[in-house]
Amino acid sequence: MLKTVIVSLFAHGLLLTSAAFAEQASSHEIYVEEVSQQDLGDTIILGDSIFALNGEIERRLERNSGQRITSYARNGAEMDDVVQQYYRARARGIPQTVIMNGGGNDVLGNITSCRFLNSRCVNAIEGAIDQGVDLIQLMEDDGVERIVYLGYYYTKFIGGGLDNAIDYAMARIPQICGATNLPCDVVETRRLMNGFGNRIIDGIHPTFRGSRKMADAIWEVLR
């Protein structure tokens, strides 16, 4: 059986405008696709607003698998918050599969520094990576069986000017998976989420369309 945790790194808990939410809701209502199902075992999601804001990644994965997935992801979560999400989850029982991200708000919380990728930004990213390594090792010790780490994509507008910081973070995230002997995959989203229609008007958070694309990329790893 798989134990899966899903965590997200770079999303900030900003509010959707009513217009953006309406656009996403409309997109969500008309999208229908038949998918094969897969036994994911006891699965949880950890992370930030990439997962939490519209909830579409969770819903699509539930539809694909035919199973309930419990999400502990919260808007605005930094990496230390993601660690606390796992502690709350494990108090209810050790999951088999963890889908996660983390570190995105550590970057957004230092957005001026990260636009220049200066030492303060690098230290924030490295601190998040160190916390991620410790967290993955704890999961392995607990008996989690599989981990999928959702990577970050380039942000625009409010989150503009962070491409170098995101590239730096994405070059470091594989160290988290490298700290465990468990099956641990990093899902690359930079090319996937490039282009029009994948982010809402803040340039940071995914539309329903963007969320479905990321869910499908996660599903390709899990199936």
N, C-alpha and C. Protein backbone atom coordinates (compact mmCIF):
# COMPACT_ATOMS: atom_id res chain seq x y z
N MET A 1 0.85 -1.20 0.00
CA MET A 1 0.00 0.00 0.00
C MET A 1 0.88 1.24 0.00
N LEU A 2 0.42 2.28 -0.63
CA LEU A 2 1.20 3.51 -0.73
C LEU A 2 0.86 4.45 0.39
N LYS A 3 1.86 5.19 0.85
CA LYS A 3 1.60 6.28 1.79
C LYS A 3 2.06 7.55 1.13
N THR A 4 1.16 8.45 0.84
CA THR A 4 1.50 9.60 0.01
C THR A 4 1.23 10.92 0.69
N VAL A 5 2.19 11.84 0.66
CA VAL A 5 1.98 13.18 1.19
C VAL A 5 2.23 14.20 0.10
N ILE A 6 1.35 15.16 -0.04
CA ILE A 6 1.52 16.18 -1.05
C ILE A 6 1.80 17.53 -0.40
N VAL A 7 2.92 18.16 -0.76
CA VAL A 7 3.24 19.44 -0.16
C VAL A 7 3.56 20.48 -1.21
N SER A 8 3.23 21.76 -0.98
CA SER A 8 3.48 22.80 -1.94
C SER A 8 4.39 23.89 -1.41
N LEU A 9 5.40 24.41 -2.24
CA LEU A 9 6.41 25.35 -1.77
C LEU A 9 6.07 26.83 -1.92
N PHE A 10 5.68 27.31 -3.09
CA PHE A 10 5.81 28.74 -3.32
C PHE A 10 4.51 29.55 -3.41
N ALA A 11 3.37 29.11 -2.90
CA ALA A 11 2.15 29.88 -3.08
C ALA A 11 1.86 30.76 -1.88
N HIS A 12 1.32 31.94 -2.13
CA HIS A 12 0.99 32.88 -1.07
C HIS A 12 -0.52 32.89 -0.90
N GLY A 13 -1.03 33.07 0.32
CA GLY A 13 -2.48 33.04 0.55
C GLY A 13 -3.16 34.34 0.22
N LEU A 14 -3.11 34.75 -1.03
CA LEU A 14 -3.81 35.96 -1.45
C LEU A 14 -5.24 35.63 -1.83
N LEU A 15 -6.13 36.60 -1.71
CA LEU A 15 -7.54 36.37 -1.99
C LEU A 15 -7.82 36.49 -3.48
N LEU A 16 -8.71 35.62 -3.97
CA LEU A 16 -9.21 35.74 -5.34
C LEU A 16 -10.19 36.89 -5.44
N THR A 17 -10.20 37.56 -6.55
CA THR A 17 -11.29 38.49 -6.79
C THR A 17 -12.51 37.70 -7.22
N SER A 18 -13.69 38.30 -7.07
CA SER A 18 -14.90 37.58 -7.44
C SER A 18 -14.90 37.25 -8.92
N ALA A 19 -14.35 38.13 -9.75
CA ALA A 19 -14.32 37.86 -11.19
C ALA A 19 -13.43 36.68 -11.50
N ALA A 20 -12.26 36.61 -10.87
CA ALA A 20 -11.35 35.49 -11.12
C ALA A 20 -11.96 34.19 -10.65
N PHE A 21 -12.62 34.23 -9.49
CA PHE A 21 -13.24 33.02 -8.96
C PHE A 21 -14.38 32.56 -9.87
N ALA A 22 -15.14 33.50 -10.40
CA ALA A 22 -16.23 33.13 -11.29
C ALA A 22 -15.69 32.47 -12.55
N GLU A 23 -14.59 32.99 -13.07
CA GLU A 23 -13.99 32.38 -14.27
C GLU A 23 -13.55 30.96 -14.00
N GLN A 24 -12.96 30.74 -12.81
CA GLN A 24 -12.51 29.41 -12.46
C GLN A 24 -13.69 28.47 -12.26
N ALA A 25 -14.72 28.95 -11.57
CA ALA A 25 -15.88 28.11 -11.31
C ALA A 25 -16.54 27.67 -12.61
N SER A 26 -16.64 28.60 -13.56
CA SER A 26 -17.22 28.26 -14.84
C SER A 26 -16.41 27.19 -15.55
N SER A 27 -15.08 27.35 -15.51
CA SER A 27 -14.21 26.36 -16.13
C SER A 27 -14.37 25.00 -15.48
N HIS A 28 -14.49 25.01 -14.17
CA HIS A 28 -14.62 23.77 -13.42
C HIS A 28 -15.90 23.03 -13.78
N GLU A 29 -16.98 23.77 -13.98
CA GLU A 29 -18.28 23.15 -14.20
C GLU A 29 -18.35 22.42 -15.54
N ILE A 30 -17.64 22.89 -16.56
CA ILE A 30 -17.81 22.32 -17.89
C ILE A 30 -16.79 21.23 -18.20
N TYR A 31 -15.84 20.98 -17.29
CA TYR A 31 -14.77 20.04 -17.60
C TYR A 31 -15.14 18.63 -17.13
N VAL A 32 -15.18 17.67 -18.05
CA VAL A 32 -15.49 16.29 -17.71
C VAL A 32 -14.55 15.39 -18.49
N GLU A 33 -13.96 14.40 -17.81
CA GLU A 33 -13.07 13.46 -18.50
C GLU A 33 -13.10 12.13 -17.77
N GLU A 34 -13.13 11.04 -18.51
CA GLU A 34 -13.07 9.72 -17.91
C GLU A 34 -11.62 9.36 -17.66
N VAL A 35 -11.30 8.86 -16.46
CA VAL A 35 -9.94 8.49 -16.13
C VAL A 35 -9.94 7.13 -15.46
N SER A 36 -8.82 6.41 -15.62
CA SER A 36 -8.68 5.13 -14.94
C SER A 36 -8.38 5.38 -13.47
N GLN A 37 -8.73 4.41 -12.62
CA GLN A 37 -8.53 4.58 -11.19
C GLN A 37 -7.32 3.80 -10.71
N GLN A 38 -6.78 4.22 -9.58
CA GLN A 38 -5.57 3.62 -9.02
C GLN A 38 -5.67 3.66 -7.51
N ASP A 39 -5.25 2.57 -6.85
CA ASP A 39 -5.29 2.52 -5.39
C ASP A 39 -4.12 3.32 -4.83
N LEU A 40 -4.43 4.46 -4.22
CA LEU A 40 -3.38 5.30 -3.64
C LEU A 40 -3.14 5.00 -2.17
N GLY A 41 -3.97 4.15 -1.58
CA GLY A 41 -3.85 3.93 -0.15
C GLY A 41 -4.30 5.16 0.62
N ASP A 42 -3.80 5.31 1.81
CA ASP A 42 -4.15 6.43 2.68
C ASP A 42 -3.30 7.63 2.26
N THR A 43 -3.92 8.65 1.68
CA THR A 43 -3.19 9.73 1.03
C THR A 43 -3.53 11.08 1.64
N ILE A 44 -2.51 11.91 1.84
CA ILE A 44 -2.73 13.26 2.34
C ILE A 44 -2.01 14.27 1.45
N ILE A 45 -2.45 15.51 1.56
CA ILE A 45 -1.80 16.64 0.89
C ILE A 45 -1.33 17.62 1.95
N LEU A 46 -0.10 18.07 1.80
CA LEU A 46 0.49 19.10 2.67
C LEU A 46 0.94 20.26 1.80
N GLY A 47 0.84 21.49 2.30
CA GLY A 47 1.38 22.58 1.53
C GLY A 47 0.64 23.89 1.67
N ASP A 48 0.73 24.69 0.63
CA ASP A 48 0.24 26.07 0.66
C ASP A 48 -0.96 26.27 -0.25
N SER A 49 -1.18 27.50 -0.67
CA SER A 49 -2.38 27.84 -1.44
C SER A 49 -2.38 27.31 -2.86
N ILE A 50 -1.28 26.80 -3.36
CA ILE A 50 -1.30 26.12 -4.65
C ILE A 50 -2.32 24.97 -4.58
N PHE A 51 -2.36 24.31 -3.45
CA PHE A 51 -3.36 23.27 -3.21
C PHE A 51 -4.66 23.83 -2.62
N ALA A 52 -4.51 24.77 -1.67
CA ALA A 52 -5.63 25.10 -0.78
C ALA A 52 -6.62 26.10 -1.36
N LEU A 53 -6.17 26.99 -2.26
CA LEU A 53 -7.03 28.12 -2.60
C LEU A 53 -8.29 27.70 -3.35
N ASN A 54 -8.13 26.86 -4.38
CA ASN A 54 -9.34 26.43 -5.09
C ASN A 54 -9.67 24.95 -4.89
N GLY A 55 -8.74 24.17 -4.33
CA GLY A 55 -9.01 22.77 -4.00
C GLY A 55 -9.14 21.84 -5.19
N GLU A 56 -8.85 22.32 -6.40
CA GLU A 56 -9.10 21.53 -7.60
C GLU A 56 -8.12 20.38 -7.76
N ILE A 57 -6.87 20.55 -7.31
CA ILE A 57 -5.91 19.44 -7.41
C ILE A 57 -6.42 18.25 -6.59
N GLU A 58 -6.84 18.52 -5.38
CA GLU A 58 -7.37 17.47 -4.52
C GLU A 58 -8.58 16.79 -5.16
N ARG A 59 -9.53 17.59 -5.66
CA ARG A 59 -10.75 17.02 -6.24
C ARG A 59 -10.45 16.16 -7.46
N ARG A 60 -9.56 16.64 -8.30
CA ARG A 60 -9.26 15.88 -9.53
C ARG A 60 -8.54 14.58 -9.20
N LEU A 61 -7.63 14.61 -8.24
CA LEU A 61 -6.95 13.38 -7.84
C LEU A 61 -7.92 12.40 -7.19
N GLU A 62 -8.89 12.92 -6.44
CA GLU A 62 -9.91 12.05 -5.86
C GLU A 62 -10.74 11.38 -6.96
N ARG A 63 -11.08 12.15 -8.00
CA ARG A 63 -11.85 11.59 -9.09
C ARG A 63 -11.03 10.55 -9.85
N ASN A 64 -9.76 10.83 -10.07
CA ASN A 64 -8.91 9.89 -10.78
C ASN A 64 -8.75 8.58 -10.02
N SER A 65 -8.59 8.67 -8.72
CA SER A 65 -8.31 7.48 -7.89
C SER A 65 -9.56 6.81 -7.38
N GLY A 66 -10.67 7.54 -7.34
CA GLY A 66 -11.88 7.01 -6.73
C GLY A 66 -11.79 6.90 -5.23
N GLN A 67 -10.85 7.63 -4.63
CA GLN A 67 -10.62 7.56 -3.19
C GLN A 67 -10.60 8.96 -2.58
N ARG A 68 -10.87 9.01 -1.29
CA ARG A 68 -10.83 10.29 -0.58
C ARG A 68 -9.40 10.63 -0.23
N ILE A 69 -9.03 11.89 -0.45
CA ILE A 69 -7.72 12.40 -0.08
C ILE A 69 -7.92 13.51 0.94
N THR A 70 -7.17 13.46 2.02
CA THR A 70 -7.30 14.46 3.07
C THR A 70 -6.24 15.53 2.88
N SER A 71 -6.67 16.77 2.77
CA SER A 71 -5.74 17.88 2.58
C SER A 71 -5.59 18.69 3.86
N TYR A 72 -4.35 18.90 4.25
CA TYR A 72 -4.01 19.77 5.37
C TYR A 72 -3.41 21.08 4.89
N ALA A 73 -3.35 21.27 3.58
CA ALA A 73 -2.74 22.48 3.00
C ALA A 73 -3.54 23.72 3.40
N ARG A 74 -2.82 24.83 3.62
CA ARG A 74 -3.45 26.07 4.04
C ARG A 74 -2.85 27.25 3.28
N ASN A 75 -3.68 28.23 2.99
CA ASN A 75 -3.20 29.45 2.36
C ASN A 75 -2.15 30.13 3.23
N GLY A 76 -1.09 30.59 2.61
CA GLY A 76 -0.06 31.33 3.32
C GLY A 76 0.95 30.48 4.06
N ALA A 77 0.86 29.16 3.95
CA ALA A 77 1.75 28.28 4.72
C ALA A 77 3.20 28.41 4.25
N GLU A 78 4.09 28.66 5.20
CA GLU A 78 5.52 28.57 4.95
C GLU A 78 5.98 27.16 5.30
N MET A 79 7.26 26.86 5.08
CA MET A 79 7.70 25.49 5.28
C MET A 79 7.53 25.01 6.72
N ASP A 80 7.75 25.89 7.69
CA ASP A 80 7.54 25.45 9.06
C ASP A 80 6.07 25.12 9.33
N ASP A 81 5.15 25.79 8.62
CA ASP A 81 3.73 25.46 8.74
C ASP A 81 3.43 24.10 8.11
N VAL A 82 4.11 23.79 7.02
CA VAL A 82 3.93 22.49 6.37
C VAL A 82 4.37 21.37 7.33
N VAL A 83 5.46 21.61 8.03
CA VAL A 83 5.92 20.62 9.03
C VAL A 83 4.83 20.39 10.07
N GLN A 84 4.22 21.46 10.54
CA GLN A 84 3.15 21.33 11.54
C GLN A 84 1.93 20.63 10.96
N GLN A 85 1.66 20.83 9.68
CA GLN A 85 0.56 20.11 9.04
C GLN A 85 0.79 18.60 9.13
N TYR A 86 2.04 18.19 8.91
CA TYR A 86 2.33 16.75 8.97
C TYR A 86 2.15 16.23 10.40
N TYR A 87 2.56 16.99 11.38
CA TYR A 87 2.38 16.55 12.76
C TYR A 87 0.89 16.38 13.09
N ARG A 88 0.06 17.28 12.57
CA ARG A 88 -1.38 17.12 12.79
C ARG A 88 -1.90 15.88 12.08
N ALA A 89 -1.40 15.62 10.88
CA ALA A 89 -1.85 14.45 10.13
C ALA A 89 -1.44 13.15 10.82
N ARG A 90 -0.19 13.08 11.26
CA ARG A 90 0.31 11.83 11.84
C ARG A 90 -0.36 11.52 13.17
N ALA A 91 -0.89 12.54 13.84
CA ALA A 91 -1.62 12.30 15.08
C ALA A 91 -2.89 11.50 14.82
N ARG A 92 -3.37 11.52 13.58
CA ARG A 92 -4.58 10.77 13.21
C ARG A 92 -4.23 9.43 12.56
N GLY A 93 -2.96 9.18 12.34
CA GLY A 93 -2.52 7.96 11.69
C GLY A 93 -1.52 8.26 10.60
N ILE A 94 -0.57 7.36 10.40
CA ILE A 94 0.48 7.58 9.40
C ILE A 94 -0.07 7.32 8.00
N PRO A 95 0.06 8.28 7.10
CA PRO A 95 -0.43 8.08 5.73
C PRO A 95 0.49 7.16 4.95
N GLN A 96 -0.02 6.62 3.86
CA GLN A 96 0.81 5.82 2.98
C GLN A 96 1.47 6.69 1.91
N THR A 97 0.72 7.63 1.41
CA THR A 97 1.22 8.51 0.33
C THR A 97 1.09 9.96 0.75
N VAL A 98 2.14 10.72 0.51
CA VAL A 98 2.13 12.15 0.82
C VAL A 98 2.38 12.94 -0.46
N ILE A 99 1.46 13.83 -0.76
CA ILE A 99 1.62 14.77 -1.89
C ILE A 99 1.83 16.14 -1.28
N MET A 100 2.89 16.83 -1.66
CA MET A 100 3.21 18.05 -0.91
C MET A 100 3.93 19.09 -1.75
N ASN A 101 4.01 20.27 -1.19
CA ASN A 101 4.94 21.29 -1.65
C ASN A 101 5.36 22.08 -0.42
N GLY A 102 6.13 23.12 -0.59
CA GLY A 102 6.55 23.94 0.53
C GLY A 102 7.71 24.84 0.15
N GLY A 103 7.75 26.02 0.72
CA GLY A 103 8.84 26.95 0.48
C GLY A 103 8.44 28.16 -0.34
N GLY A 104 7.29 28.09 -1.00
CA GLY A 104 6.87 29.20 -1.85
C GLY A 104 6.65 30.48 -1.08
N ASN A 105 6.00 30.36 0.06
CA ASN A 105 5.76 31.56 0.87
C ASN A 105 7.01 32.02 1.60
N ASP A 106 8.00 31.13 1.75
CA ASP A 106 9.29 31.56 2.28
C ASP A 106 9.97 32.50 1.29
N VAL A 107 9.74 32.28 0.01
CA VAL A 107 10.24 33.18 -1.03
C VAL A 107 9.41 34.46 -1.07
N LEU A 108 8.08 34.31 -1.11
CA LEU A 108 7.22 35.49 -1.21
C LEU A 108 7.34 36.38 0.02
N GLY A 109 7.66 35.79 1.15
CA GLY A 109 7.86 36.58 2.36
C GLY A 109 9.14 37.39 2.33
N ASN A 110 10.01 37.08 1.38
CA ASN A 110 11.25 37.83 1.17
C ASN A 110 11.32 38.29 -0.28
N ILE A 111 10.19 38.81 -0.78
CA ILE A 111 10.06 39.02 -2.21
C ILE A 111 11.06 40.04 -2.77
N THR A 112 11.33 41.12 -2.03
CA THR A 112 12.30 42.10 -2.53
C THR A 112 13.68 41.49 -2.63
N SER A 113 14.11 40.78 -1.60
CA SER A 113 15.42 40.11 -1.63
C SER A 113 15.47 39.05 -2.72
N CYS A 114 14.37 38.32 -2.90
CA CYS A 114 14.37 37.23 -3.87
C CYS A 114 14.32 37.73 -5.30
N ARG A 115 13.85 38.96 -5.52
CA ARG A 115 13.93 39.52 -6.87
C ARG A 115 15.38 39.76 -7.27
N PHE A 116 16.26 39.91 -6.29
CA PHE A 116 17.69 40.08 -6.56
C PHE A 116 18.47 38.81 -6.24
N LEU A 117 17.77 37.79 -5.73
CA LEU A 117 18.40 36.54 -5.30
C LEU A 117 19.65 36.82 -4.45
N ASN A 118 19.47 37.70 -3.46
CA ASN A 118 20.60 38.03 -2.59
C ASN A 118 20.72 37.01 -1.46
N SER A 119 21.65 37.25 -0.55
CA SER A 119 21.95 36.26 0.48
C SER A 119 20.76 36.01 1.41
N ARG A 120 19.96 37.05 1.66
CA ARG A 120 18.79 36.84 2.51
C ARG A 120 17.81 35.87 1.86
N CYS A 121 17.61 36.01 0.56
CA CYS A 121 16.72 35.10 -0.16
C CYS A 121 17.29 33.69 -0.17
N VAL A 122 18.56 33.56 -0.49
CA VAL A 122 19.19 32.24 -0.52
C VAL A 122 19.07 31.56 0.85
N ASN A 123 19.29 32.32 1.91
CA ASN A 123 19.18 31.75 3.25
C ASN A 123 17.76 31.28 3.55
N ALA A 124 16.76 32.04 3.07
CA ALA A 124 15.36 31.63 3.27
C ALA A 124 15.07 30.33 2.53
N ILE A 125 15.56 30.22 1.30
CA ILE A 125 15.34 29.00 0.52
C ILE A 125 16.07 27.82 1.16
N GLU A 126 17.32 28.04 1.55
CA GLU A 126 18.09 26.95 2.14
C GLU A 126 17.48 26.50 3.47
N GLY A 127 16.93 27.45 4.22
CA GLY A 127 16.25 27.09 5.46
C GLY A 127 15.04 26.21 5.20
N ALA A 128 14.27 26.54 4.15
CA ALA A 128 13.12 25.73 3.79
C ALA A 128 13.55 24.34 3.33
N ILE A 129 14.64 24.27 2.57
CA ILE A 129 15.15 22.97 2.11
C ILE A 129 15.58 22.12 3.31
N ASP A 130 16.27 22.70 4.26
CA ASP A 130 16.70 21.95 5.45
C ASP A 130 15.50 21.41 6.22
N GLN A 131 14.46 22.23 6.35
CA GLN A 131 13.24 21.76 7.02
C GLN A 131 12.59 20.64 6.23
N GLY A 132 12.60 20.77 4.90
CA GLY A 132 12.03 19.73 4.06
C GLY A 132 12.77 18.41 4.19
N VAL A 133 14.09 18.47 4.25
CA VAL A 133 14.90 17.25 4.43
C VAL A 133 14.55 16.57 5.74
N ASP A 134 14.49 17.34 6.82
CA ASP A 134 14.14 16.76 8.13
C ASP A 134 12.74 16.15 8.10
N LEU A 135 11.81 16.82 7.42
CA LEU A 135 10.44 16.33 7.34
C LEU A 135 10.37 15.01 6.58
N ILE A 136 11.05 14.92 5.45
CA ILE A 136 11.03 13.70 4.64
C ILE A 136 11.64 12.54 5.42
N GLN A 137 12.70 12.81 6.16
CA GLN A 137 13.32 11.76 6.96
C GLN A 137 12.39 11.28 8.06
N LEU A 138 11.64 12.20 8.65
CA LEU A 138 10.64 11.81 9.65
C LEU A 138 9.56 10.94 9.02
N MET A 139 9.11 11.31 7.83
CA MET A 139 8.11 10.50 7.14
C MET A 139 8.61 9.08 6.92
N GLU A 140 9.86 8.96 6.49
CA GLU A 140 10.43 7.63 6.26
C GLU A 140 10.46 6.84 7.56
N ASP A 141 10.90 7.47 8.64
CA ASP A 141 10.94 6.80 9.94
C ASP A 141 9.55 6.36 10.39
N ASP A 142 8.54 7.16 10.03
CA ASP A 142 7.16 6.86 10.43
C ASP A 142 6.55 5.71 9.64
N GLY A 143 7.12 5.42 8.47
CA GLY A 143 6.56 4.36 7.64
C GLY A 143 5.76 4.82 6.45
N VAL A 144 5.83 6.12 6.12
CA VAL A 144 5.23 6.60 4.87
C VAL A 144 5.89 5.83 3.72
N GLU A 145 5.10 5.50 2.70
CA GLU A 145 5.61 4.65 1.63
C GLU A 145 5.96 5.39 0.34
N ARG A 146 5.36 6.56 0.14
CA ARG A 146 5.65 7.28 -1.10
C ARG A 146 5.40 8.76 -0.92
N ILE A 147 6.23 9.58 -1.60
CA ILE A 147 6.12 11.03 -1.52
C ILE A 147 6.17 11.62 -2.92
N VAL A 148 5.29 12.57 -3.17
CA VAL A 148 5.31 13.33 -4.41
C VAL A 148 5.43 14.81 -4.04
N TYR A 149 6.46 15.46 -4.55
CA TYR A 149 6.71 16.87 -4.23
C TYR A 149 6.37 17.72 -5.46
N LEU A 150 5.38 18.57 -5.31
CA LEU A 150 4.96 19.43 -6.41
C LEU A 150 5.85 20.66 -6.48
N GLY A 151 6.56 20.81 -7.59
CA GLY A 151 7.47 21.93 -7.74
C GLY A 151 6.74 23.23 -8.06
N TYR A 152 7.47 24.32 -8.00
CA TYR A 152 6.91 25.64 -8.25
C TYR A 152 7.13 26.10 -9.68
N TYR A 153 6.20 26.93 -10.13
CA TYR A 153 6.25 27.50 -11.47
C TYR A 153 6.57 28.99 -11.37
N TYR A 154 6.85 29.61 -12.52
CA TYR A 154 7.16 31.04 -12.54
C TYR A 154 5.91 31.86 -12.25
N THR A 155 6.05 32.82 -11.36
CA THR A 155 4.94 33.70 -11.01
C THR A 155 5.07 35.03 -11.77
N LYS A 156 3.97 35.72 -11.92
CA LYS A 156 3.92 36.96 -12.69
C LYS A 156 3.25 38.06 -11.88
N PHE A 157 3.18 39.25 -12.43
CA PHE A 157 2.46 40.39 -11.86
C PHE A 157 2.89 40.63 -10.41
N ILE A 158 2.01 40.38 -9.44
CA ILE A 158 2.39 40.59 -8.03
C ILE A 158 3.63 39.79 -7.68
N GLY A 159 3.72 38.60 -8.22
CA GLY A 159 4.87 37.73 -7.96
C GLY A 159 5.92 37.79 -9.04
N GLY A 160 5.96 38.86 -9.81
CA GLY A 160 6.92 38.97 -10.90
C GLY A 160 8.35 39.19 -10.42
N GLY A 161 9.30 38.89 -11.29
CA GLY A 161 10.70 39.12 -11.00
C GLY A 161 11.35 38.05 -10.15
N LEU A 162 10.70 36.89 -10.03
CA LEU A 162 11.21 35.84 -9.14
C LEU A 162 11.75 34.63 -9.90
N ASP A 163 11.91 34.75 -11.21
CA ASP A 163 12.32 33.58 -12.00
C ASP A 163 13.63 32.98 -11.49
N ASN A 164 14.62 33.83 -11.19
CA ASN A 164 15.92 33.31 -10.74
C ASN A 164 15.80 32.62 -9.39
N ALA A 165 14.98 33.18 -8.51
CA ALA A 165 14.79 32.56 -7.20
C ALA A 165 14.07 31.22 -7.35
N ILE A 166 13.08 31.15 -8.24
CA ILE A 166 12.35 29.90 -8.45
C ILE A 166 13.29 28.86 -9.07
N ASP A 167 14.11 29.27 -10.03
CA ASP A 167 15.08 28.34 -10.61
C ASP A 167 16.05 27.83 -9.54
N TYR A 168 16.49 28.72 -8.67
CA TYR A 168 17.40 28.31 -7.61
C TYR A 168 16.72 27.29 -6.70
N ALA A 169 15.50 27.59 -6.30
CA ALA A 169 14.77 26.67 -5.41
C ALA A 169 14.53 25.33 -6.08
N MET A 170 14.16 25.35 -7.36
CA MET A 170 13.87 24.10 -8.05
C MET A 170 15.13 23.26 -8.27
N ALA A 171 16.28 23.91 -8.30
CA ALA A 171 17.54 23.16 -8.37
C ALA A 171 17.89 22.52 -7.03
N ARG A 172 17.31 23.05 -5.95
CA ARG A 172 17.62 22.55 -4.61
C ARG A 172 16.60 21.54 -4.09
N ILE A 173 15.38 21.59 -4.58
CA ILE A 173 14.32 20.70 -4.08
C ILE A 173 14.67 19.21 -4.23
N PRO A 174 15.34 18.78 -5.31
CA PRO A 174 15.68 17.35 -5.38
C PRO A 174 16.50 16.86 -4.19
N GLN A 175 17.18 17.76 -3.48
CA GLN A 175 17.91 17.34 -2.27
C GLN A 175 16.95 16.78 -1.23
N ILE A 176 15.73 17.30 -1.20
CA ILE A 176 14.74 16.80 -0.25
C ILE A 176 14.42 15.35 -0.55
N CYS A 177 14.11 15.06 -1.81
CA CYS A 177 13.84 13.66 -2.17
C CYS A 177 15.08 12.80 -2.03
N GLY A 178 16.25 13.40 -2.24
CA GLY A 178 17.48 12.64 -2.11
C GLY A 178 17.82 12.23 -0.70
N ALA A 179 17.08 12.79 0.27
CA ALA A 179 17.35 12.49 1.68
C ALA A 179 16.62 11.25 2.16
N THR A 180 15.87 10.57 1.28
CA THR A 180 15.12 9.40 1.68
C THR A 180 15.34 8.25 0.71
N ASN A 181 15.16 7.04 1.20
CA ASN A 181 15.19 5.86 0.34
C ASN A 181 13.81 5.53 -0.21
N LEU A 182 12.81 6.28 0.21
CA LEU A 182 11.46 6.05 -0.27
C LEU A 182 11.33 6.51 -1.72
N PRO A 183 10.37 5.95 -2.46
CA PRO A 183 10.03 6.55 -3.75
C PRO A 183 9.60 8.00 -3.53
N CYS A 184 10.31 8.93 -4.13
CA CYS A 184 10.05 10.35 -3.93
C CYS A 184 10.29 11.06 -5.25
N ASP A 185 9.26 11.66 -5.80
CA ASP A 185 9.33 12.29 -7.11
C ASP A 185 9.04 13.78 -7.00
N VAL A 186 9.83 14.59 -7.71
CA VAL A 186 9.57 16.02 -7.84
C VAL A 186 8.85 16.25 -9.15
N VAL A 187 7.67 16.87 -9.09
CA VAL A 187 6.89 17.15 -10.29
C VAL A 187 7.25 18.54 -10.80
N GLU A 188 7.79 18.60 -11.99
CA GLU A 188 8.22 19.86 -12.61
C GLU A 188 7.01 20.57 -13.21
N THR A 189 6.85 21.86 -12.90
CA THR A 189 5.68 22.60 -13.39
C THR A 189 6.02 23.88 -14.14
N ARG A 190 7.30 24.23 -14.28
CA ARG A 190 7.63 25.52 -14.88
C ARG A 190 7.18 25.60 -16.34
N ARG A 191 7.47 24.62 -17.13
CA ARG A 191 7.00 24.63 -18.53
C ARG A 191 5.50 24.37 -18.59
N LEU A 192 5.03 23.45 -17.77
CA LEU A 192 3.62 23.07 -17.76
C LEU A 192 2.71 24.27 -17.52
N MET A 193 3.11 25.16 -16.60
CA MET A 193 2.27 26.28 -16.19
C MET A 193 2.58 27.57 -16.94
N ASN A 194 3.49 27.50 -17.90
CA ASN A 194 3.81 28.68 -18.68
C ASN A 194 2.66 28.96 -19.67
N GLY A 195 2.42 30.20 -19.95
CA GLY A 195 1.39 30.55 -20.93
C GLY A 195 0.11 31.08 -20.30
N PHE A 196 -0.78 31.53 -21.15
CA PHE A 196 -2.01 32.19 -20.72
C PHE A 196 -3.03 31.18 -20.18
N GLY A 197 -3.76 31.61 -19.16
CA GLY A 197 -4.88 30.81 -18.66
C GLY A 197 -4.57 29.86 -17.53
N ASN A 198 -3.32 29.84 -17.08
CA ASN A 198 -2.93 28.91 -16.02
C ASN A 198 -2.85 29.56 -14.64
N ARG A 199 -2.80 30.91 -14.61
CA ARG A 199 -2.73 31.64 -13.34
C ARG A 199 -3.88 32.63 -13.29
N ILE A 200 -4.35 32.92 -12.10
CA ILE A 200 -5.37 33.95 -11.94
C ILE A 200 -4.71 35.32 -12.05
N ILE A 201 -5.48 36.38 -11.87
CA ILE A 201 -4.99 37.72 -12.17
C ILE A 201 -3.87 38.20 -11.26
N ASP A 202 -3.66 37.55 -10.09
CA ASP A 202 -2.54 37.96 -9.25
C ASP A 202 -1.21 37.45 -9.78
N GLY A 203 -1.25 36.52 -10.76
CA GLY A 203 -0.02 36.00 -11.34
C GLY A 203 0.66 34.94 -10.50
N ILE A 204 0.06 34.58 -9.38
CA ILE A 204 0.67 33.63 -8.44
C ILE A 204 -0.11 32.33 -8.38
N HIS A 205 -1.39 32.43 -8.16
CA HIS A 205 -2.20 31.25 -7.90
C HIS A 205 -2.75 30.64 -9.19
N PRO A 206 -2.97 29.33 -9.19
CA PRO A 206 -3.46 28.67 -10.40
C PRO A 206 -4.95 28.87 -10.63
N THR A 207 -5.33 28.92 -11.88
CA THR A 207 -6.74 28.81 -12.25
C THR A 207 -7.16 27.35 -12.09
N PHE A 208 -8.44 27.08 -12.27
CA PHE A 208 -8.88 25.68 -12.28
C PHE A 208 -8.16 24.91 -13.38
N ARG A 209 -7.99 25.54 -14.52
CA ARG A 209 -7.28 24.89 -15.61
C ARG A 209 -5.85 24.54 -15.19
N GLY A 210 -5.15 25.50 -14.61
CA GLY A 210 -3.79 25.25 -14.16
C GLY A 210 -3.72 24.17 -13.10
N SER A 211 -4.68 24.18 -12.18
CA SER A 211 -4.72 23.17 -11.13
C SER A 211 -4.93 21.78 -11.71
N ARG A 212 -5.81 21.68 -12.71
CA ARG A 212 -6.05 20.38 -13.33
C ARG A 212 -4.79 19.87 -14.03
N LYS A 213 -4.06 20.78 -14.66
CA LYS A 213 -2.83 20.37 -15.32
C LYS A 213 -1.81 19.83 -14.31
N MET A 214 -1.70 20.49 -13.17
CA MET A 214 -0.78 20.00 -12.15
C MET A 214 -1.25 18.69 -11.55
N ALA A 215 -2.56 18.56 -11.34
CA ALA A 215 -3.11 17.30 -10.82
C ALA A 215 -2.81 16.15 -11.78
N ASP A 216 -2.94 16.40 -13.07
CA ASP A 216 -2.66 15.36 -14.05
C ASP A 216 -1.18 14.98 -14.05
N ALA A 217 -0.31 15.96 -13.85
CA ALA A 217 1.12 15.67 -13.77
C ALA A 217 1.44 14.83 -12.54
N ILE A 218 0.79 15.11 -11.43
CA ILE A 218 0.95 14.29 -10.22
C ILE A 218 0.43 12.88 -10.49
N TRP A 219 -0.74 12.81 -11.15
CA TRP A 219 -1.35 11.51 -11.42
C TRP A 219 -0.46 10.63 -12.29
N GLU A 220 0.24 11.24 -13.24
CA GLU A 220 1.14 10.47 -14.10
C GLU A 220 2.24 9.80 -13.28
N VAL A 221 2.65 10.44 -12.19
CA VAL A 221 3.66 9.86 -11.32
C VAL A 221 3.06 8.73 -10.49
N LEU A 222 1.82 8.89 -10.05
CA LEU A 222 1.22 7.94 -9.13
C LEU A 222 0.63 6.70 -9.79
N ARG A 223 0.15 6.82 -11.00
CA ARG A 223 -0.60 5.72 -11.62
C ARG A 223 0.27 4.55 -12.01
